[in-house]
């Protein structure tokens, strides 16, 4: 059984502050006293109370991370990049996977606050307006917010611009009958991407049929359901743009089951097909977010606010560049004959 700092001090008849200096390697203490305290602490199995220390110093050396789906390759890579950056800076990560459950996301916020973490990084599932932001908290959102919100600090790409660029590429490949499968439009990132899609279609004078628009959640079943709806429609689109990678995997899987080929029959574009694994053998045309840089910048922002390099009260948004990856899932309809 270990003893407390106070008990160790009483045992040696020295002050608590002297023992604390030795245990933390700080302050001026004679070599003889330092040796005595160190040897006695080892002999009596003294273990520092990290919770008490973190409350006292306001530095738990931990960062909380809330993600919606650890199975999604994008979030798996994100967790890896954040963990690597934290480890390099001497911090630990408390990972919370809410599985697209909004109430669980709220519960994890409470849990991480109780753990006295230095900051929280969140790839939000729902509307963050329902999260009460407490004084001096450092909260960083990976998913982009509406410009008027400015609730959390944000590290993100420009989702509106990225979807506009992806849509324009599909149009430039000769497609006009383009369907769109979105995530829940009550949330900012799906809404921004959706707005980018519709604006691009409008500026190219291409109408969008209501039958070609499907709103769902972020999961694979959304893609499968959207495919079934489109296949039962009066007219098939020549191309489909999906909100994220998992939706695209579900969409292509459903097409394959009934004998449709991508891109011969229907072209597909999406976001973030980092590593499809066994989910798909296709090389998608997609918008690729700089996932490693996203993770690193989130950690750096928390540390800068902790160190007062940036005022904690100052809203900070960091916008990172994206990449349009040309895969093999968009058929070029401008060609008069197939190669």
Protein backbone atom coordinates (compact mmCIF):
# COMPACT_ATOMS: atom_id res chain seq x y z
CA UNK A 1 0.00 0.00 0.00
CA UNK A 2 1.40 3.39 -1.02
CA UNK A 3 1.56 6.49 1.19
CA UNK A 4 0.59 10.07 0.47
CA UNK A 5 2.86 13.06 0.03
CA UNK A 6 1.78 14.37 3.44
CA UNK A 7 2.50 11.04 5.15
CA UNK A 8 5.92 10.87 3.53
CA UNK A 9 6.74 14.38 4.79
CA UNK A 10 5.62 13.50 8.32
CA UNK A 11 7.63 10.29 8.24
CA UNK A 12 10.81 12.22 7.42
CA UNK A 13 9.96 15.24 9.57
CA UNK A 14 10.32 17.64 6.64
CA UNK A 15 7.86 20.04 5.04
CA UNK A 16 5.41 18.94 2.34
CA UNK A 17 6.88 21.56 0.02
CA UNK A 18 10.36 20.01 0.39
CA UNK A 19 9.06 16.56 -0.56
CA UNK A 20 7.12 18.11 -3.45
CA UNK A 21 10.27 19.84 -4.77
CA UNK A 22 12.18 16.57 -4.76
CA UNK A 23 9.36 14.60 -6.39
CA UNK A 24 8.99 17.22 -9.13
CA UNK A 25 12.74 17.76 -9.59
CA UNK A 26 12.39 21.47 -8.81
CA UNK A 27 13.67 23.91 -6.23
CA UNK A 28 16.79 23.95 -4.09
CA UNK A 29 17.16 20.98 -1.74
CA UNK A 30 20.42 19.64 -0.27
CA UNK A 31 21.84 16.48 -1.79
CA UNK A 32 21.53 14.61 1.51
CA UNK A 33 17.86 15.54 1.95
CA UNK A 34 17.10 14.77 -1.68
CA UNK A 35 18.71 11.33 -1.35
CA UNK A 36 16.85 10.58 1.89
CA UNK A 37 13.47 11.56 0.44
CA UNK A 38 14.04 9.64 -2.80
CA UNK A 39 15.16 6.44 -1.08
CA UNK A 40 12.35 6.58 1.49
CA UNK A 41 9.72 7.25 -1.21
CA UNK A 42 10.94 4.22 -3.15
CA UNK A 43 11.01 2.04 -0.04
CA UNK A 44 7.50 3.03 1.05
CA UNK A 45 6.05 2.78 -2.49
CA UNK A 46 5.10 6.45 -2.79
CA UNK A 47 3.11 7.16 -5.96
CA UNK A 48 2.29 10.74 -6.99
CA UNK A 49 -1.42 11.56 -7.14
CA UNK A 50 -1.72 12.72 -10.73
CA UNK A 51 -5.30 13.88 -10.32
CA UNK A 52 -4.38 16.09 -7.41
CA UNK A 53 -1.33 17.37 -9.25
CA UNK A 54 -3.33 18.25 -12.35
CA UNK A 55 -5.91 20.13 -10.29
CA UNK A 56 -3.13 22.01 -8.52
CA UNK A 57 -1.15 22.89 -11.63
CA UNK A 58 -4.13 23.09 -14.01
CA UNK A 59 -2.19 20.85 -16.39
CA UNK A 60 -3.30 17.25 -16.67
CA UNK A 61 -1.07 16.70 -19.76
CA UNK A 62 -4.07 15.15 -21.50
CA UNK A 63 -6.20 16.13 -24.49
CA UNK A 64 -9.68 14.77 -25.08
CA UNK A 65 -10.73 13.60 -28.55
CA UNK A 66 -14.33 12.88 -29.57
CA UNK A 67 -14.93 11.24 -32.93
CA UNK A 68 -18.10 9.83 -34.50
CA UNK A 69 -16.82 6.58 -36.03
CA UNK A 70 -13.48 4.86 -35.40
CA UNK A 71 -14.18 2.41 -38.26
CA UNK A 72 -14.18 5.22 -40.84
CA UNK A 73 -10.62 5.32 -42.27
CA UNK A 74 -10.61 9.12 -42.19
CA UNK A 75 -11.17 9.21 -38.45
CA UNK A 76 -8.77 6.32 -37.86
CA UNK A 77 -6.00 8.31 -39.56
CA UNK A 78 -7.06 11.43 -37.67
CA UNK A 79 -6.76 9.65 -34.32
CA UNK A 80 -3.31 8.41 -35.30
CA UNK A 81 -2.07 11.88 -36.25
CA UNK A 82 -3.41 13.48 -33.07
CA UNK A 83 -1.97 10.74 -30.86
CA UNK A 84 1.44 11.01 -32.53
CA UNK A 85 1.53 14.80 -32.13
CA UNK A 86 0.41 14.60 -28.49
CA UNK A 87 3.03 11.97 -27.70
CA UNK A 88 5.74 14.15 -29.25
CA UNK A 89 4.64 17.05 -27.02
CA UNK A 90 4.46 14.92 -23.86
CA UNK A 91 0.67 14.66 -23.74
CA UNK A 92 -1.74 11.73 -23.63
CA UNK A 93 -5.04 11.35 -25.48
CA UNK A 94 -8.38 10.24 -24.06
CA UNK A 95 -10.29 8.86 -27.05
CA UNK A 96 -14.09 8.84 -27.10
CA UNK A 97 -15.97 7.18 -29.97
CA UNK A 98 -19.61 8.31 -29.87
CA UNK A 99 -20.78 6.11 -32.80
CA UNK A 100 -22.87 8.95 -34.29
CA UNK A 101 -24.89 9.15 -31.07
CA UNK A 102 -25.54 12.79 -30.16
CA UNK A 103 -26.38 12.15 -26.51
CA UNK A 104 -23.22 10.09 -26.13
CA UNK A 105 -21.26 12.99 -27.61
CA UNK A 106 -22.70 15.33 -24.95
CA UNK A 107 -21.93 12.75 -22.23
CA UNK A 108 -18.32 12.52 -23.41
CA UNK A 109 -17.94 16.28 -23.06
CA UNK A 110 -18.97 15.95 -19.43
CA UNK A 111 -16.60 13.01 -18.93
CA UNK A 112 -13.61 14.83 -20.39
CA UNK A 113 -14.31 17.91 -18.31
CA UNK A 114 -14.39 15.73 -15.20
CA UNK A 115 -10.98 14.38 -16.25
CA UNK A 116 -9.64 17.95 -16.26
CA UNK A 117 -8.25 17.64 -19.79
CA UNK A 118 -6.30 20.59 -21.18
CA UNK A 119 -8.46 20.82 -24.27
CA UNK A 120 -11.02 18.92 -26.33
CA UNK A 121 -10.82 18.15 -30.05
CA UNK A 122 -14.17 17.20 -31.52
CA UNK A 123 -15.32 15.97 -34.93
CA UNK A 124 -18.86 16.97 -34.05
CA UNK A 125 -21.83 14.74 -34.79
CA UNK A 126 -24.52 17.30 -34.06
CA UNK A 127 -25.15 20.98 -33.64
CA UNK A 128 -22.58 22.33 -31.18
CA UNK A 129 -24.90 25.17 -30.14
CA UNK A 130 -26.21 22.81 -27.47
CA UNK A 131 -22.79 22.51 -25.85
CA UNK A 132 -22.30 24.92 -22.98
CA UNK A 133 -18.87 26.51 -23.34
CA UNK A 134 -17.30 27.20 -19.98
CA UNK A 135 -14.84 29.95 -19.16
CA UNK A 136 -11.24 29.30 -20.21
CA UNK A 137 -12.09 26.00 -21.94
CA UNK A 138 -10.16 25.20 -25.10
CA UNK A 139 -12.45 23.48 -27.62
CA UNK A 140 -11.39 22.77 -31.21
CA UNK A 141 -13.79 21.54 -33.86
CA UNK A 142 -12.50 19.65 -36.89
CA UNK A 143 -15.76 19.91 -38.81
CA UNK A 144 -16.29 23.37 -40.24
CA UNK A 145 -18.93 25.61 -38.69
CA UNK A 146 -21.27 28.17 -40.17
CA UNK A 147 -19.45 31.55 -40.30
CA UNK A 148 -21.96 33.17 -37.96
CA UNK A 149 -21.57 30.54 -35.21
CA UNK A 150 -17.95 30.88 -34.07
CA UNK A 151 -18.64 28.63 -31.11
CA UNK A 152 -15.51 26.51 -31.13
CA UNK A 153 -12.11 27.16 -32.56
CA UNK A 154 -11.95 25.37 -35.89
CA UNK A 155 -9.35 23.57 -38.00
CA UNK A 156 -10.83 22.58 -41.34
CA UNK A 157 -10.73 22.81 -45.10
CA UNK A 158 -13.12 25.11 -46.97
CA UNK A 159 -15.89 22.55 -47.48
CA UNK A 160 -18.02 24.82 -49.67
CA UNK A 161 -15.16 25.52 -52.04
CA UNK A 162 -14.03 21.88 -52.07
CA UNK A 163 -17.47 20.58 -53.06
CA UNK A 164 -17.80 23.31 -55.68
CA UNK A 165 -14.47 22.21 -57.21
CA UNK A 166 -15.43 18.53 -57.17
CA UNK A 167 -18.79 19.27 -58.80
CA UNK A 168 -17.17 21.44 -61.45
CA UNK A 169 -14.78 18.62 -62.33
CA UNK A 170 -17.66 16.18 -62.77
CA UNK A 171 -19.45 18.72 -65.00
CA UNK A 172 -16.28 19.25 -67.02
CA UNK A 173 -16.22 15.51 -67.66
CA UNK A 174 -19.48 15.94 -69.57
CA UNK A 175 -22.04 15.09 -66.86
CA UNK A 176 -25.29 17.02 -66.43
CA UNK A 177 -27.59 14.44 -64.82
CA UNK A 178 -25.82 14.55 -61.46
CA UNK A 179 -27.31 13.24 -58.22
CA UNK A 180 -26.24 14.35 -54.76
CA UNK A 181 -26.24 12.30 -51.54
CA UNK A 182 -25.73 14.44 -48.45
CA UNK A 183 -25.32 13.99 -44.72
CA UNK A 184 -27.84 15.57 -42.30
CA UNK A 185 -28.32 19.16 -43.40
CA UNK A 186 -28.99 20.41 -39.87
CA UNK A 187 -25.20 20.22 -39.39
CA UNK A 188 -22.79 22.75 -40.83
CA UNK A 189 -20.36 20.61 -42.84
CA UNK A 190 -23.09 18.76 -44.82
CA UNK A 191 -24.88 22.07 -45.39
CA UNK A 192 -21.74 23.82 -46.62
CA UNK A 193 -20.92 20.98 -49.01
CA UNK A 194 -24.50 20.86 -50.22
CA UNK A 195 -24.50 24.61 -50.84
CA UNK A 196 -21.28 24.28 -52.82
CA UNK A 197 -22.82 21.56 -55.00
CA UNK A 198 -26.02 23.47 -55.77
CA UNK A 199 -24.20 26.74 -56.41
CA UNK A 200 -21.90 25.07 -58.93
CA UNK A 201 -24.84 23.43 -60.70
CA UNK A 202 -26.68 26.77 -60.79
CA UNK A 203 -23.72 28.69 -62.19
CA UNK A 204 -23.38 26.06 -64.93
CA UNK A 205 -27.11 26.42 -65.75
CA UNK A 206 -27.79 22.78 -64.89
CA UNK A 207 -31.09 22.09 -63.11
CA UNK A 208 -31.12 19.49 -60.33
CA UNK A 209 -34.07 17.12 -60.25
CA UNK A 210 -35.64 16.51 -56.84
CA UNK A 211 -35.38 12.80 -57.56
CA UNK A 212 -31.61 13.19 -57.72
CA UNK A 213 -31.23 14.56 -54.18
CA UNK A 214 -31.01 12.31 -51.12
CA UNK A 215 -30.38 13.35 -47.52
CA UNK A 216 -29.33 10.78 -44.94
CA UNK A 217 -26.80 10.30 -42.18
CA UNK A 218 -23.05 9.72 -42.42
CA UNK A 219 -23.15 5.92 -42.52
CA UNK A 220 -22.91 3.23 -45.17
CA UNK A 221 -26.66 2.56 -45.17
CA UNK A 222 -27.29 6.07 -46.49
CA UNK A 223 -25.33 5.19 -49.62
CA UNK A 224 -27.16 1.91 -50.05
CA UNK A 225 -30.58 3.54 -49.57
CA UNK A 226 -29.75 6.35 -51.98
CA UNK A 227 -28.69 3.84 -54.64
CA UNK A 228 -31.96 1.93 -54.30
CA UNK A 229 -33.98 5.14 -54.61
CA UNK A 230 -32.12 6.25 -57.74
CA UNK A 231 -32.32 2.82 -59.36
CA UNK A 232 -36.11 2.85 -58.93
CA UNK A 233 -36.48 6.33 -60.41
CA UNK A 234 -37.72 7.27 -63.86
CA UNK A 235 -34.24 8.29 -64.99
CA UNK A 236 -30.76 7.29 -63.89
CA UNK A 237 -28.14 9.95 -63.22
CA UNK A 238 -24.87 9.64 -65.09
CA UNK A 239 -22.94 10.66 -61.98
CA UNK A 240 -23.45 10.76 -58.22
CA UNK A 241 -21.55 12.93 -55.71
CA UNK A 242 -21.53 11.67 -52.11
CA UNK A 243 -20.92 13.62 -48.90
CA UNK A 244 -18.28 11.22 -47.56
CA UNK A 245 -16.33 8.05 -48.21
CA UNK A 246 -18.53 5.65 -46.25
CA UNK A 247 -21.67 6.80 -48.09
CA UNK A 248 -19.83 6.27 -51.38
CA UNK A 249 -18.80 2.74 -50.37
CA UNK A 250 -22.42 1.89 -49.55
CA UNK A 251 -23.64 3.40 -52.80
CA UNK A 252 -21.16 1.47 -54.96
CA UNK A 253 -21.82 -1.75 -53.04
CA UNK A 254 -25.54 -1.51 -53.75
CA UNK A 255 -24.89 -0.82 -57.43
CA UNK A 256 -22.57 -3.79 -57.69
CA UNK A 257 -25.12 -6.13 -56.14
CA UNK A 258 -27.58 -5.51 -59.00
CA UNK A 259 -24.96 -5.62 -61.75
CA UNK A 260 -24.21 -1.94 -62.33
CA UNK A 261 -20.63 -0.91 -63.01
CA UNK A 262 -18.78 2.15 -61.72
CA UNK A 263 -17.98 4.23 -63.75
CA UNK A 264 -19.34 2.57 -66.91
CA UNK A 265 -22.99 2.84 -65.85
CA UNK A 266 -22.82 5.49 -63.12
CA UNK A 267 -19.87 7.66 -62.10
CA UNK A 268 -19.19 8.37 -58.42
CA UNK A 269 -17.20 11.11 -56.65
CA UNK A 270 -16.84 11.78 -52.93
CA UNK A 271 -14.60 12.98 -50.06
CA UNK A 272 -11.72 11.32 -48.20
CA UNK A 273 -11.19 7.84 -49.64
CA UNK A 274 -7.92 7.49 -47.76
CA UNK A 275 -7.84 3.73 -47.40
CA UNK A 276 -10.79 1.71 -48.56
CA UNK A 277 -9.41 -1.59 -47.26
CA UNK A 278 -11.95 -4.29 -47.99
CA UNK A 279 -14.80 -1.82 -48.44
CA UNK A 280 -14.09 -1.14 -52.11
CA UNK A 281 -11.52 -1.93 -54.78
CA UNK A 282 -12.24 1.32 -56.62
CA UNK A 283 -9.86 4.24 -56.79
CA UNK A 284 -12.27 7.12 -56.20
CA UNK A 285 -12.16 10.58 -57.63
CA UNK A 286 -12.38 12.56 -54.41
CA UNK A 287 -11.55 15.59 -52.33
CA UNK A 288 -8.72 14.61 -50.00
CA UNK A 289 -8.37 16.47 -46.70
CA UNK A 290 -4.85 16.77 -45.22
CA UNK A 291 -5.74 14.51 -42.30
CA UNK A 292 -2.28 14.41 -40.70
CA UNK A 293 -1.99 18.19 -40.81
CA UNK A 294 -5.53 18.56 -39.47
CA UNK A 295 -4.65 16.50 -36.42
CA UNK A 296 -1.34 18.24 -35.79
CA UNK A 297 -2.83 21.74 -36.13
CA UNK A 298 -5.58 20.93 -33.62
CA UNK A 299 -3.02 19.90 -31.01
CA UNK A 300 -0.81 22.90 -31.77
CA UNK A 301 -3.75 25.27 -31.36
CA UNK A 302 -4.61 23.84 -27.94
CA UNK A 303 -1.01 24.13 -26.78
CA UNK A 304 -0.69 27.72 -28.06
CA UNK A 305 -3.79 28.74 -26.14
CA UNK A 306 -2.53 26.94 -23.04
CA UNK A 307 0.78 28.81 -23.31
CA UNK A 308 -1.04 32.13 -23.93
CA UNK A 309 0.51 32.54 -27.37
CA UNK A 310 -3.10 33.00 -28.49
CA UNK A 311 -5.68 34.42 -26.05
CA UNK A 312 -8.13 31.75 -24.93
CA UNK A 313 -11.05 34.08 -25.59
CA UNK A 314 -9.98 34.72 -29.19
CA UNK A 315 -11.94 32.75 -31.79
CA UNK A 316 -9.44 31.06 -34.09
CA UNK A 317 -10.10 29.37 -37.40
CA UNK A 318 -7.33 27.62 -39.33
CA UNK A 319 -8.17 26.76 -42.93
CA UNK A 320 -6.03 24.09 -44.59
CA UNK A 321 -5.69 23.29 -48.31
CA UNK A 322 -7.45 20.29 -49.85
CA UNK A 323 -6.52 18.17 -52.85
CA UNK A 324 -8.69 17.01 -55.73
CA UNK A 325 -7.61 13.44 -56.49
CA UNK A 326 -8.34 12.12 -59.97
CA UNK A 327 -9.36 8.49 -59.62
CA UNK A 328 -11.04 6.03 -61.93
CA UNK A 329 -14.67 6.45 -60.86
CA UNK A 330 -15.67 9.33 -63.17
CA UNK A 331 -16.36 8.42 -66.79
CA UNK A 332 -15.42 11.06 -69.36
CA UNK A 333 -18.60 11.58 -71.41
CA UNK A 334 -16.83 14.07 -73.70
CA UNK A 335 -15.08 11.26 -75.50
CA UNK A 336 -16.85 10.03 -78.61
CA UNK A 337 -15.69 6.46 -78.05
CA UNK A 338 -14.31 4.45 -75.17
CA UNK A 339 -10.61 3.65 -75.12
